[in-house]
Amino acid sequence: MAWLLLVLAGLFEVGFTTCLRYTDGMRNLGWNAGFLVCAVLSFGLLEHAAKTIPLGTAYAVWVGIGAIGTVLVGVATGAETLTVVRVALLVGLVLCIVGLKLAGGD
């Protein structure tokens, strides 16, 4: 269950980074609200997951999911491009996240 909460926390991190992109210097109230809701949910879920999963592992996985998801949102919206090197590095990041899960310690 803790790993599911951690994955959800990472997805909400993608939500708050995406909202942050559109806040327009914190002048857009709708995106600000989305940012705040996603941030609170993300940090709350991370906190609950870290009760079972070691904090260093939980944090690394949370950041990794957030980074990968944020890049993918950027690609989907046309704000970022993918190169062979970027794809290889993202695949490496995914493998590191899977490795942390398989290595146990929780």
PDB file of N, CA and C in Angstrom:
ATOM      1  N   MET A   1       0.828  -1.199   0.000  1.00  0.00           N
ATOM      2  CA  MET A   1       0.000   0.000   0.000  1.00  0.00           C
ATOM      3  C   MET A   1       0.872   1.263   0.000  1.00  0.00           C
ATOM      4  N   ALA A   2       1.990   1.222   0.720  1.00  0.00           N
ATOM      5  CA  ALA A   2       2.857   2.399   0.790  1.00  0.00           C
ATOM      6  C   ALA A   2       3.408   2.760  -0.586  1.00  0.00           C
ATOM      7  N   TRP A   3       3.724   1.742  -1.387  1.00  0.00           N
ATOM      8  CA  TRP A   3       4.250   2.035  -2.722  1.00  0.00           C
ATOM      9  C   TRP A   3       3.181   2.656  -3.616  1.00  0.00           C
ATOM     10  N   LEU A   4       1.956   2.224  -3.475  1.00  0.00           N
ATOM     11  CA  LEU A   4       0.858   2.843  -4.231  1.00  0.00           C
ATOM     12  C   LEU A   4       0.702   4.308  -3.827  1.00  0.00           C
ATOM     13  N   LEU A   5       0.755   4.582  -2.536  1.00  0.00           N
ATOM     14  CA  LEU A   5       0.681   5.972  -2.066  1.00  0.00           C
ATOM     15  C   LEU A   5       1.839   6.792  -2.615  1.00  0.00           C
ATOM     16  N   LEU A   6       3.017   6.180  -2.678  1.00  0.00           N
ATOM     17  CA  LEU A   6       4.191   6.888  -3.192  1.00  0.00           C
ATOM     18  C   LEU A   6       4.044   7.209  -4.678  1.00  0.00           C
ATOM     19  N   VAL A   7       3.536   6.264  -5.441  1.00  0.00           N
ATOM     20  CA  VAL A   7       3.300   6.521  -6.872  1.00  0.00           C
ATOM     21  C   VAL A   7       2.269   7.633  -7.040  1.00  0.00           C
ATOM     22  N   LEU A   8       1.198   7.591  -6.259  1.00  0.00           N
ATOM     23  CA  LEU A   8       0.198   8.664  -6.319  1.00  0.00           C
ATOM     24  C   LEU A   8       0.808  10.011  -5.936  1.00  0.00           C
ATOM     25  N   ALA A   9       1.676  10.009  -4.932  1.00  0.00           N
ATOM     26  CA  ALA A   9       2.357  11.243  -4.538  1.00  0.00           C
ATOM     27  C   ALA A   9       3.178  11.786  -5.697  1.00  0.00           C
ATOM     28  N   GLY A  10       3.867  10.907  -6.405  1.00  0.00           N
ATOM     29  CA  GLY A  10       4.649  11.326  -7.567  1.00  0.00           C
ATOM     30  C   GLY A  10       3.777  11.885  -8.675  1.00  0.00           C
ATOM     31  N   LEU A  11       2.615  11.280  -8.876  1.00  0.00           N
ATOM     32  CA  LEU A  11       1.701  11.787  -9.911  1.00  0.00           C
ATOM     33  C   LEU A  11       1.144  13.158  -9.536  1.00  0.00           C
ATOM     34  N   PHE A  12       0.843  13.346  -8.249  1.00  0.00           N
ATOM     35  CA  PHE A  12       0.405  14.678  -7.826  1.00  0.00           C
ATOM     36  C   PHE A  12       1.543  15.689  -7.907  1.00  0.00           C
ATOM     37  N   GLU A  13       2.790  15.219  -7.801  1.00  0.00           N
ATOM     38  CA  GLU A  13       3.919  16.132  -8.024  1.00  0.00           C
ATOM     39  C   GLU A  13       3.914  16.610  -9.473  1.00  0.00           C
ATOM     40  N   VAL A  14       3.641  15.710 -10.392  1.00  0.00           N
ATOM     41  CA  VAL A  14       3.511  16.105 -11.799  1.00  0.00           C
ATOM     42  C   VAL A  14       2.400  17.142 -11.935  1.00  0.00           C
ATOM     43  N   GLY A  15       1.315  16.942 -11.193  1.00  0.00           N
ATOM     44  CA  GLY A  15       0.211  17.912 -11.218  1.00  0.00           C
ATOM     45  C   GLY A  15       0.643  19.276 -10.737  1.00  0.00           C
ATOM     46  N   PHE A  16       1.383  19.338  -9.622  1.00  0.00           N
ATOM     47  CA  PHE A  16       1.727  20.677  -9.133  1.00  0.00           C
ATOM     48  C   PHE A  16       2.807  21.333  -9.972  1.00  0.00           C
ATOM     49  N   THR A  17       3.705  20.553 -10.566  1.00  0.00           N
ATOM     50  CA  THR A  17       4.690  21.199 -11.449  1.00  0.00           C
ATOM     51  C   THR A  17       4.029  21.689 -12.735  1.00  0.00           C
ATOM     52  N   THR A  18       3.056  20.933 -13.213  1.00  0.00           N
ATOM     53  CA  THR A  18       2.334  21.368 -14.411  1.00  0.00           C
ATOM     54  C   THR A  18       1.533  22.630 -14.117  1.00  0.00           C
ATOM     55  N   CYS A  19       0.833  22.650 -12.993  1.00  0.00           N
ATOM     56  CA  CYS A  19       0.087  23.855 -12.614  1.00  0.00           C
ATOM     57  C   CYS A  19       1.017  25.049 -12.442  1.00  0.00           C
ATOM     58  N   LEU A  20       2.179  24.805 -11.857  1.00  0.00           N
ATOM     59  CA  LEU A  20       3.141  25.878 -11.635  1.00  0.00           C
ATOM     60  C   LEU A  20       3.531  26.555 -12.948  1.00  0.00           C
ATOM     61  N   ARG A  21       3.619  25.751 -14.007  1.00  0.00           N
ATOM     62  CA  ARG A  21       3.982  26.279 -15.325  1.00  0.00           C
ATOM     63  C   ARG A  21       2.980  27.337 -15.798  1.00  0.00           C
ATOM     64  N   TYR A  22       1.730  27.209 -15.377  1.00  0.00           N
ATOM     65  CA  TYR A  22       0.669  28.079 -15.879  1.00  0.00           C
ATOM     66  C   TYR A  22       0.162  29.111 -14.871  1.00  0.00           C
ATOM     67  N   THR A  23       0.800  29.247 -13.723  1.00  0.00           N
ATOM     68  CA  THR A  23       0.311  30.185 -12.704  1.00  0.00           C
ATOM     69  C   THR A  23       0.515  31.644 -13.091  1.00  0.00           C
ATOM     70  N   ASP A  24       1.366  31.911 -14.066  1.00  0.00           N
ATOM     71  CA  ASP A  24       1.618  33.275 -14.533  1.00  0.00           C
ATOM     72  C   ASP A  24       2.042  34.181 -13.372  1.00  0.00           C
ATOM     73  N   GLY A  25       3.110  33.763 -12.709  1.00  0.00           N
ATOM     74  CA  GLY A  25       3.608  34.570 -11.597  1.00  0.00           C
ATOM     75  C   GLY A  25       2.643  34.623 -10.432  1.00  0.00           C
ATOM     76  N   MET A  26       1.910  33.550 -10.235  1.00  0.00           N
ATOM     77  CA  MET A  26       0.899  33.424  -9.179  1.00  0.00           C
ATOM     78  C   MET A  26      -0.272  34.390  -9.364  1.00  0.00           C
ATOM     79  N   ARG A  27      -0.526  34.793 -10.618  1.00  0.00           N
ATOM     80  CA  ARG A  27      -1.644  35.687 -10.910  1.00  0.00           C
ATOM     81  C   ARG A  27      -2.880  34.948 -11.426  1.00  0.00           C
ATOM     82  N   ASN A  28      -2.735  33.676 -11.779  1.00  0.00           N
ATOM     83  CA  ASN A  28      -3.855  32.912 -12.310  1.00  0.00           C
ATOM     84  C   ASN A  28      -4.442  32.049 -11.190  1.00  0.00           C
ATOM     85  N   LEU A  29      -5.566  32.467 -10.654  1.00  0.00           N
ATOM     86  CA  LEU A  29      -6.127  31.832  -9.468  1.00  0.00           C
ATOM     87  C   LEU A  29      -6.474  30.357  -9.671  1.00  0.00           C
ATOM     88  N   GLY A  30      -6.978  29.997 -10.826  1.00  0.00           N
ATOM     89  CA  GLY A  30      -7.326  28.599 -11.074  1.00  0.00           C
ATOM     90  C   GLY A  30      -6.113  27.686 -11.032  1.00  0.00           C
ATOM     91  N   TRP A  31      -5.062  28.089 -11.729  1.00  0.00           N
ATOM     92  CA  TRP A  31      -3.840  27.285 -11.716  1.00  0.00           C
ATOM     93  C   TRP A  31      -3.177  27.322 -10.337  1.00  0.00           C
ATOM     94  N   ASN A  32      -3.276  28.456  -9.639  1.00  0.00           N
ATOM     95  CA  ASN A  32      -2.747  28.523  -8.267  1.00  0.00           C
ATOM     96  C   ASN A  32      -3.459  27.523  -7.364  1.00  0.00           C
ATOM     97  N   ALA A  33      -4.785  27.448  -7.497  1.00  0.00           N
ATOM     98  CA  ALA A  33      -5.552  26.502  -6.687  1.00  0.00           C
ATOM     99  C   ALA A  33      -5.158  25.066  -7.024  1.00  0.00           C
ATOM    100  N   GLY A  34      -5.012  24.777  -8.302  1.00  0.00           N
ATOM    101  CA  GLY A  34      -4.574  23.443  -8.718  1.00  0.00           C
ATOM    102  C   GLY A  34      -3.206  23.106  -8.153  1.00  0.00           C
ATOM    103  N   PHE A  35      -2.307  24.091  -8.201  1.00  0.00           N
ATOM    104  CA  PHE A  35      -0.968  23.907  -7.638  1.00  0.00           C
ATOM    105  C   PHE A  35      -1.046  23.564  -6.153  1.00  0.00           C
ATOM    106  N   LEU A  36      -1.820  24.351  -5.403  1.00  0.00           N
ATOM    107  CA  LEU A  36      -1.908  24.138  -3.955  1.00  0.00           C
ATOM    108  C   LEU A  36      -2.532  22.782  -3.616  1.00  0.00           C
ATOM    109  N   VAL A  37      -3.598  22.418  -4.303  1.00  0.00           N
ATOM    110  CA  VAL A  37      -4.256  21.135  -4.037  1.00  0.00           C
ATOM    111  C   VAL A  37      -3.306  19.976  -4.339  1.00  0.00           C
ATOM    112  N   CYS A  38      -2.674  20.028  -5.509  1.00  0.00           N
ATOM    113  CA  CYS A  38      -1.760  18.947  -5.881  1.00  0.00           C
ATOM    114  C   CYS A  38      -0.546  18.892  -4.948  1.00  0.00           C
ATOM    115  N   ALA A  39      -0.030  20.044  -4.551  1.00  0.00           N
ATOM    116  CA  ALA A  39       1.133  20.068  -3.658  1.00  0.00           C
ATOM    117  C   ALA A  39       0.785  19.469  -2.297  1.00  0.00           C
ATOM    118  N   VAL A  40      -0.350  19.858  -1.748  1.00  0.00           N
ATOM    119  CA  VAL A  40      -0.755  19.334  -0.442  1.00  0.00           C
ATOM    120  C   VAL A  40      -0.968  17.821  -0.526  1.00  0.00           C
ATOM    121  N   LEU A  41      -1.655  17.359  -1.568  1.00  0.00           N
ATOM    122  CA  LEU A  41      -1.870  15.917  -1.723  1.00  0.00           C
ATOM    123  C   LEU A  41      -0.545  15.175  -1.930  1.00  0.00           C
ATOM    124  N   SER A  42       0.330  15.734  -2.748  1.00  0.00           N
ATOM    125  CA  SER A  42       1.605  15.089  -3.028  1.00  0.00           C
ATOM    126  C   SER A  42       2.457  14.945  -1.771  1.00  0.00           C
ATOM    127  N   PHE A  43       2.612  16.037  -1.033  1.00  0.00           N
ATOM    128  CA  PHE A  43       3.422  15.980   0.177  1.00  0.00           C
ATOM    129  C   PHE A  43       2.762  15.116   1.250  1.00  0.00           C
ATOM    130  N   GLY A  44       1.449  15.162   1.348  1.00  0.00           N
ATOM    131  CA  GLY A  44       0.746  14.334   2.322  1.00  0.00           C
ATOM    132  C   GLY A  44       0.905  12.849   2.033  1.00  0.00           C
ATOM    133  N   LEU A  45       0.756  12.477   0.767  1.00  0.00           N
ATOM    134  CA  LEU A  45       0.929  11.075   0.386  1.00  0.00           C
ATOM    135  C   LEU A  45       2.377  10.633   0.569  1.00  0.00           C
ATOM    136  N   LEU A  46       3.323  11.512   0.244  1.00  0.00           N
ATOM    137  CA  LEU A  46       4.734  11.199   0.464  1.00  0.00           C
ATOM    138  C   LEU A  46       4.997  10.953   1.945  1.00  0.00           C
ATOM    139  N   GLU A  47       4.426  11.784   2.784  1.00  0.00           N
ATOM    140  CA  GLU A  47       4.616  11.643   4.231  1.00  0.00           C
ATOM    141  C   GLU A  47       4.074  10.303   4.717  1.00  0.00           C
ATOM    142  N   HIS A  48       2.911   9.904   4.228  1.00  0.00           N
ATOM    143  CA  HIS A  48       2.326   8.620   4.642  1.00  0.00           C
ATOM    144  C   HIS A  48       3.161   7.448   4.125  1.00  0.00           C
ATOM    145  N   ALA A  49       3.617   7.538   2.879  1.00  0.00           N
ATOM    146  CA  ALA A  49       4.432   6.453   2.317  1.00  0.00           C
ATOM    147  C   ALA A  49       5.747   6.309   3.076  1.00  0.00           C
ATOM    148  N   ALA A  50       6.309   7.443   3.505  1.00  0.00           N
ATOM    149  CA  ALA A  50       7.596   7.419   4.202  1.00  0.00           C
ATOM    150  C   ALA A  50       7.506   6.849   5.614  1.00  0.00           C
ATOM    151  N   LYS A  51       6.305   6.564   6.076  1.00  0.00           N
ATOM    152  CA  LYS A  51       6.172   5.876   7.365  1.00  0.00           C
ATOM    153  C   LYS A  51       6.592   4.416   7.240  1.00  0.00           C
ATOM    154  N   THR A  52       6.498   3.871   6.033  1.00  0.00           N
ATOM    155  CA  THR A  52       6.833   2.469   5.788  1.00  0.00           C
ATOM    156  C   THR A  52       8.102   2.325   4.948  1.00  0.00           C
ATOM    157  N   ILE A  53       8.217   3.143   3.929  1.00  0.00           N
ATOM    158  CA  ILE A  53       9.369   3.105   3.025  1.00  0.00           C
ATOM    159  C   ILE A  53      10.432   4.050   3.587  1.00  0.00           C
ATOM    160  N   PRO A  54      11.703   3.639   3.592  1.00  0.00           N
ATOM    161  CA  PRO A  54      12.752   4.544   4.077  1.00  0.00           C
ATOM    162  C   PRO A  54      12.682   5.898   3.358  1.00  0.00           C
ATOM    163  N   LEU A  55      12.861   6.970   4.116  1.00  0.00           N
ATOM    164  CA  LEU A  55      12.670   8.316   3.575  1.00  0.00           C
ATOM    165  C   LEU A  55      13.536   8.592   2.357  1.00  0.00           C
ATOM    166  N   GLY A  56      14.794   8.192   2.392  1.00  0.00           N
ATOM    167  CA  GLY A  56      15.674   8.441   1.245  1.00  0.00           C
ATOM    168  C   GLY A  56      15.175   7.765  -0.009  1.00  0.00           C
ATOM    169  N   THR A  57      14.712   6.531   0.134  1.00  0.00           N
ATOM    170  CA  THR A  57      14.161   5.797  -1.001  1.00  0.00           C
ATOM    171  C   THR A  57      12.872   6.446  -1.473  1.00  0.00           C
ATOM    172  N   ALA A  58      11.994   6.764  -0.530  1.00  0.00           N
ATOM    173  CA  ALA A  58      10.720   7.386  -0.893  1.00  0.00           C
ATOM    174  C   ALA A  58      10.939   8.704  -1.618  1.00  0.00           C
ATOM    175  N   TYR A  59      11.857   9.509  -1.110  1.00  0.00           N
ATOM    176  CA  TYR A  59      12.112  10.804  -1.726  1.00  0.00           C
ATOM    177  C   TYR A  59      12.681  10.641  -3.132  1.00  0.00           C
ATOM    178  N   ALA A  60      13.632   9.722  -3.295  1.00  0.00           N
ATOM    179  CA  ALA A  60      14.231   9.502  -4.616  1.00  0.00           C
ATOM    180  C   ALA A  60      13.189   9.044  -5.629  1.00  0.00           C
ATOM    181  N   VAL A  61      12.316   8.141  -5.215  1.00  0.00           N
ATOM    182  CA  VAL A  61      11.274   7.650  -6.120  1.00  0.00           C
ATOM    183  C   VAL A  61      10.281   8.763  -6.435  1.00  0.00           C
ATOM    184  N   TRP A  62       9.894   9.529  -5.429  1.00  0.00           N
ATOM    185  CA  TRP A  62       8.951  10.641  -5.610  1.00  0.00           C
ATOM    186  C   TRP A  62       9.502  11.658  -6.612  1.00  0.00           C
ATOM    187  N   VAL A  63      10.749  12.036  -6.422  1.00  0.00           N
ATOM    188  CA  VAL A  63      11.379  12.999  -7.330  1.00  0.00           C
ATOM    189  C   VAL A  63      11.486  12.412  -8.733  1.00  0.00           C
ATOM    190  N   GLY A  64      11.854  11.138  -8.822  1.00  0.00           N
ATOM    191  CA  GLY A  64      11.988  10.504 -10.130  1.00  0.00           C
ATOM    192  C   GLY A  64      10.680  10.458 -10.894  1.00  0.00           C
ATOM    193  N   ILE A  65       9.616  10.050 -10.219  1.00  0.00           N
ATOM    194  CA  ILE A  65       8.301  10.015 -10.871  1.00  0.00           C
ATOM    195  C   ILE A  65       7.901  11.425 -11.299  1.00  0.00           C
ATOM    196  N   GLY A  66       8.111  12.381 -10.422  1.00  0.00           N
ATOM    197  CA  GLY A  66       7.773  13.766 -10.752  1.00  0.00           C
ATOM    198  C   GLY A  66       8.567  14.291 -11.940  1.00  0.00           C
ATOM    199  N   ALA A  67       9.849  13.986 -11.970  1.00  0.00           N
ATOM    200  CA  ALA A  67      10.701  14.468 -13.068  1.00  0.00           C
ATOM    201  C   ALA A  67      10.301  13.834 -14.398  1.00  0.00           C
ATOM    202  N   ILE A  68      10.117  12.528 -14.390  1.00  0.00           N
ATOM    203  CA  ILE A  68       9.730  11.836 -15.626  1.00  0.00           C
ATOM    204  C   ILE A  68       8.365  12.325 -16.105  1.00  0.00           C
ATOM    205  N   GLY A  69       7.412  12.394 -15.194  1.00  0.00           N
ATOM    206  CA  GLY A  69       6.075  12.843 -15.562  1.00  0.00           C
ATOM    207  C   GLY A  69       6.046  14.267 -16.066  1.00  0.00           C
ATOM    208  N   THR A  70       6.825  15.135 -15.433  1.00  0.00           N
ATOM    209  CA  THR A  70       6.856  16.538 -15.850  1.00  0.00           C
ATOM    210  C   THR A  70       7.463  16.678 -17.242  1.00  0.00           C
ATOM    211  N   VAL A  71       8.499  15.912 -17.530  1.00  0.00           N
ATOM    212  CA  VAL A  71       9.077  15.921 -18.882  1.00  0.00           C
ATOM    213  C   VAL A  71       8.045  15.428 -19.885  1.00  0.00           C
ATOM    214  N   LEU A  72       7.342  14.348 -19.556  1.00  0.00           N
ATOM    215  CA  LEU A  72       6.351  13.807 -20.492  1.00  0.00           C
ATOM    216  C   LEU A  72       5.204  14.783 -20.734  1.00  0.00           C
ATOM    217  N   VAL A  73       4.776  15.491 -19.703  1.00  0.00           N
ATOM    218  CA  VAL A  73       3.744  16.524 -19.888  1.00  0.00           C
ATOM    219  C   VAL A  73       4.290  17.629 -20.791  1.00  0.00           C
ATOM    220  N   GLY A  74       5.533  18.016 -20.564  1.00  0.00           N
ATOM    221  CA  GLY A  74       6.153  19.034 -21.409  1.00  0.00           C
ATOM    222  C   GLY A  74       6.228  18.605 -22.860  1.00  0.00           C
ATOM    223  N   VAL A  75       6.545  17.351 -23.099  1.00  0.00           N
ATOM    224  CA  VAL A  75       6.585  16.828 -24.469  1.00  0.00           C
ATOM    225  C   VAL A  75       5.180  16.812 -25.061  1.00  0.00           C
ATOM    226  N   ALA A  76       4.202  16.362 -24.287  1.00  0.00           N
ATOM    227  CA  ALA A  76       2.820  16.287 -24.770  1.00  0.00           C
ATOM    228  C   ALA A  76       2.246  17.654 -25.118  1.00  0.00           C
ATOM    229  N   THR A  77       2.669  18.691 -24.387  1.00  0.00           N
ATOM    230  CA  THR A  77       2.162  20.039 -24.651  1.00  0.00           C
ATOM    231  C   THR A  77       3.009  20.799 -25.669  1.00  0.00           C
ATOM    232  N   GLY A  78       4.104  20.192 -26.099  1.00  0.00           N
ATOM    233  CA  GLY A  78       4.971  20.844 -27.078  1.00  0.00           C
ATOM    234  C   GLY A  78       5.973  21.801 -26.461  1.00  0.00           C
ATOM    235  N   ALA A  79       6.033  21.869 -25.135  1.00  0.00           N
ATOM    236  CA  ALA A  79       6.963  22.778 -24.465  1.00  0.00           C
ATOM    237  C   ALA A  79       8.381  22.213 -24.406  1.00  0.00           C
ATOM    238  N   GLU A  80       8.516  20.900 -24.587  1.00  0.00           N
ATOM    239  CA  GLU A  80       9.824  20.245 -24.543  1.00  0.00           C
ATOM    240  C   GLU A  80       9.916  19.250 -25.685  1.00  0.00           C
ATOM    241  N   THR A  81      11.149  18.917 -26.042  1.00  0.00           N
ATOM    242  CA  THR A  81      11.372  17.916 -27.076  1.00  0.00           C
ATOM    243  C   THR A  81      12.164  16.754 -26.490  1.00  0.00           C
ATOM    244  N   LEU A  82      12.025  15.626 -27.134  1.00  0.00           N
ATOM    245  CA  LEU A  82      12.792  14.452 -26.730  1.00  0.00           C
ATOM    246  C   LEU A  82      13.892  14.196 -27.744  1.00  0.00           C
ATOM    247  N   THR A  83      15.057  13.907 -27.244  1.00  0.00           N
ATOM    248  CA  THR A  83      16.171  13.465 -28.077  1.00  0.00           C
ATOM    249  C   THR A  83      16.522  12.051 -27.640  1.00  0.00           C
ATOM    250  N   VAL A  84      17.346  11.405 -28.401  1.00  0.00           N
ATOM    251  CA  VAL A  84      17.768  10.049 -28.051  1.00  0.00           C
ATOM    252  C   VAL A  84      18.449  10.052 -26.680  1.00  0.00           C
ATOM    253  N   VAL A  85      19.265  11.052 -26.434  1.00  0.00           N
ATOM    254  CA  VAL A  85      19.969  11.130 -25.154  1.00  0.00           C
ATOM    255  C   VAL A  85      18.972  11.330 -24.009  1.00  0.00           C
ATOM    256  N   ARG A  86      18.014  12.218 -24.175  1.00  0.00           N
ATOM    257  CA  ARG A  86      17.013  12.454 -23.120  1.00  0.00           C
ATOM    258  C   ARG A  86      16.190  11.200 -22.850  1.00  0.00           C
ATOM    259  N   VAL A  87      15.794  10.490 -23.900  1.00  0.00           N
ATOM    260  CA  VAL A  87      15.035   9.249 -23.723  1.00  0.00           C
ATOM    261  C   VAL A  87      15.881   8.237 -22.964  1.00  0.00           C
ATOM    262  N   ALA A  88      17.140   8.095 -23.338  1.00  0.00           N
ATOM    263  CA  ALA A  88      18.026   7.146 -22.653  1.00  0.00           C
ATOM    264  C   ALA A  88      18.169   7.498 -21.175  1.00  0.00           C
ATOM    265  N   LEU A  89      18.300   8.778 -20.876  1.00  0.00           N
ATOM    266  CA  LEU A  89      18.431   9.199 -19.481  1.00  0.00           C
ATOM    267  C   LEU A  89      17.135   8.974 -18.704  1.00  0.00           C
ATOM    268  N   LEU A  90      15.990   9.223 -19.334  1.00  0.00           N
ATOM    269  CA  LEU A  90      14.709   8.959 -18.680  1.00  0.00           C
ATOM    270  C   LEU A  90      14.515   7.460 -18.434  1.00  0.00           C
ATOM    271  N   VAL A  91      14.910   6.643 -19.388  1.00  0.00           N
ATOM    272  CA  VAL A  91      14.841   5.190 -19.195  1.00  0.00           C
ATOM    273  C   VAL A  91      15.746   4.792 -18.035  1.00  0.00           C
ATOM    274  N   GLY A  92      16.933   5.384 -17.961  1.00  0.00           N
ATOM    275  CA  GLY A  92      17.831   5.116 -16.836  1.00  0.00           C
ATOM    276  C   GLY A  92      17.194   5.492 -15.508  1.00  0.00           C
ATOM    277  N   LEU A  93      16.489   6.610 -15.491  1.00  0.00           N
ATOM    278  CA  LEU A  93      15.805   7.041 -14.269  1.00  0.00           C
ATOM    279  C   LEU A  93      14.710   6.055 -13.870  1.00  0.00           C
ATOM    280  N   VAL A  94      13.947   5.585 -14.847  1.00  0.00           N
ATOM    281  CA  VAL A  94      12.915   4.578 -14.578  1.00  0.00           C
ATOM    282  C   VAL A  94      13.560   3.311 -14.015  1.00  0.00           C
ATOM    283  N   LEU A  95      14.657   2.896 -14.605  1.00  0.00           N
ATOM    284  CA  LEU A  95      15.341   1.694 -14.118  1.00  0.00           C
ATOM    285  C   LEU A  95      15.850   1.880 -12.688  1.00  0.00           C
ATOM    286  N   CYS A  96      16.300   3.082 -12.364  1.00  0.00           N
ATOM    287  CA  CYS A  96      16.737   3.362 -10.989  1.00  0.00           C
ATOM    288  C   CYS A  96      15.570   3.279 -10.015  1.00  0.00           C
ATOM    289  N   ILE A  97      14.415   3.795 -10.403  1.00  0.00           N
ATOM    290  CA  ILE A  97      13.222   3.726  -9.549  1.00  0.00           C
ATOM    291  C   ILE A  97      12.822   2.264  -9.333  1.00  0.00           C
ATOM    292  N   VAL A  98      12.797   1.488 -10.408  1.00  0.00           N
ATOM    293  CA  VAL A  98      12.466   0.067 -10.289  1.00  0.00           C
ATOM    294  C   VAL A  98      13.502  -0.633  -9.422  1.00  0.00           C
ATOM    295  N   GLY A  99      14.768  -0.280  -9.601  1.00  0.00           N
ATOM    296  CA  GLY A  99      15.826  -0.877  -8.798  1.00  0.00           C
ATOM    297  C   GLY A  99      15.652  -0.592  -7.313  1.00  0.00           C
ATOM    298  N   LEU A 100      15.256   0.624  -6.974  1.00  0.00           N
ATOM    299  CA  LEU A 100      15.008   0.951  -5.573  1.00  0.00           C
ATOM    300  C   LEU A 100      13.880   0.110  -4.994  1.00  0.00           C
ATOM    301  N   LYS A 101      12.849  -0.119  -5.807  1.00  0.00           N
ATOM    302  CA  LYS A 101      11.743  -0.948  -5.348  1.00  0.00           C
ATOM    303  C   LYS A 101      12.211  -2.385  -5.134  1.00  0.00           C
ATOM    304  N   LEU A 102      12.961  -2.907  -6.087  1.00  0.00           N
ATOM    305  CA  LEU A 102      13.420  -4.302  -6.020  1.00  0.00           C
ATOM    306  C   LEU A 102      14.465  -4.516  -4.925  1.00  0.00           C
ATOM    307  N   ALA A 103      15.215  -3.470  -4.613  1.00  0.00           N
ATOM    308  CA  ALA A 103      16.261  -3.587  -3.591  1.00  0.00           C
ATOM    309  C   ALA A 103      15.682  -3.742  -2.197  1.00  0.00           C
ATOM    310  N   GLY A 104      14.407  -3.428  -2.058  1.00  0.00           N
ATOM    311  CA  GLY A 104      13.738  -3.622  -0.763  1.00  0.00           C
ATOM    312  C   GLY A 104      14.103  -2.549   0.242  1.00  0.00           C
ATOM    313  N   GLY A 105      14.268  -2.968   1.453  1.00  0.00           N
ATOM    314  CA  GLY A 105      14.576  -2.029   2.526  1.00  0.00           C
ATOM    315  C   GLY A 105      13.331  -1.447   3.159  1.00  0.00           C
ATOM    316  N   ASP A 106      12.180  -2.008   2.821  1.00  0.00           N
ATOM    317  CA  ASP A 106      10.932  -1.502   3.419  1.00  0.00           C
ATOM    318  C   ASP A 106      10.144  -2.599   4.050  1.00  0.00           C
TER     319      ASP A 106
END
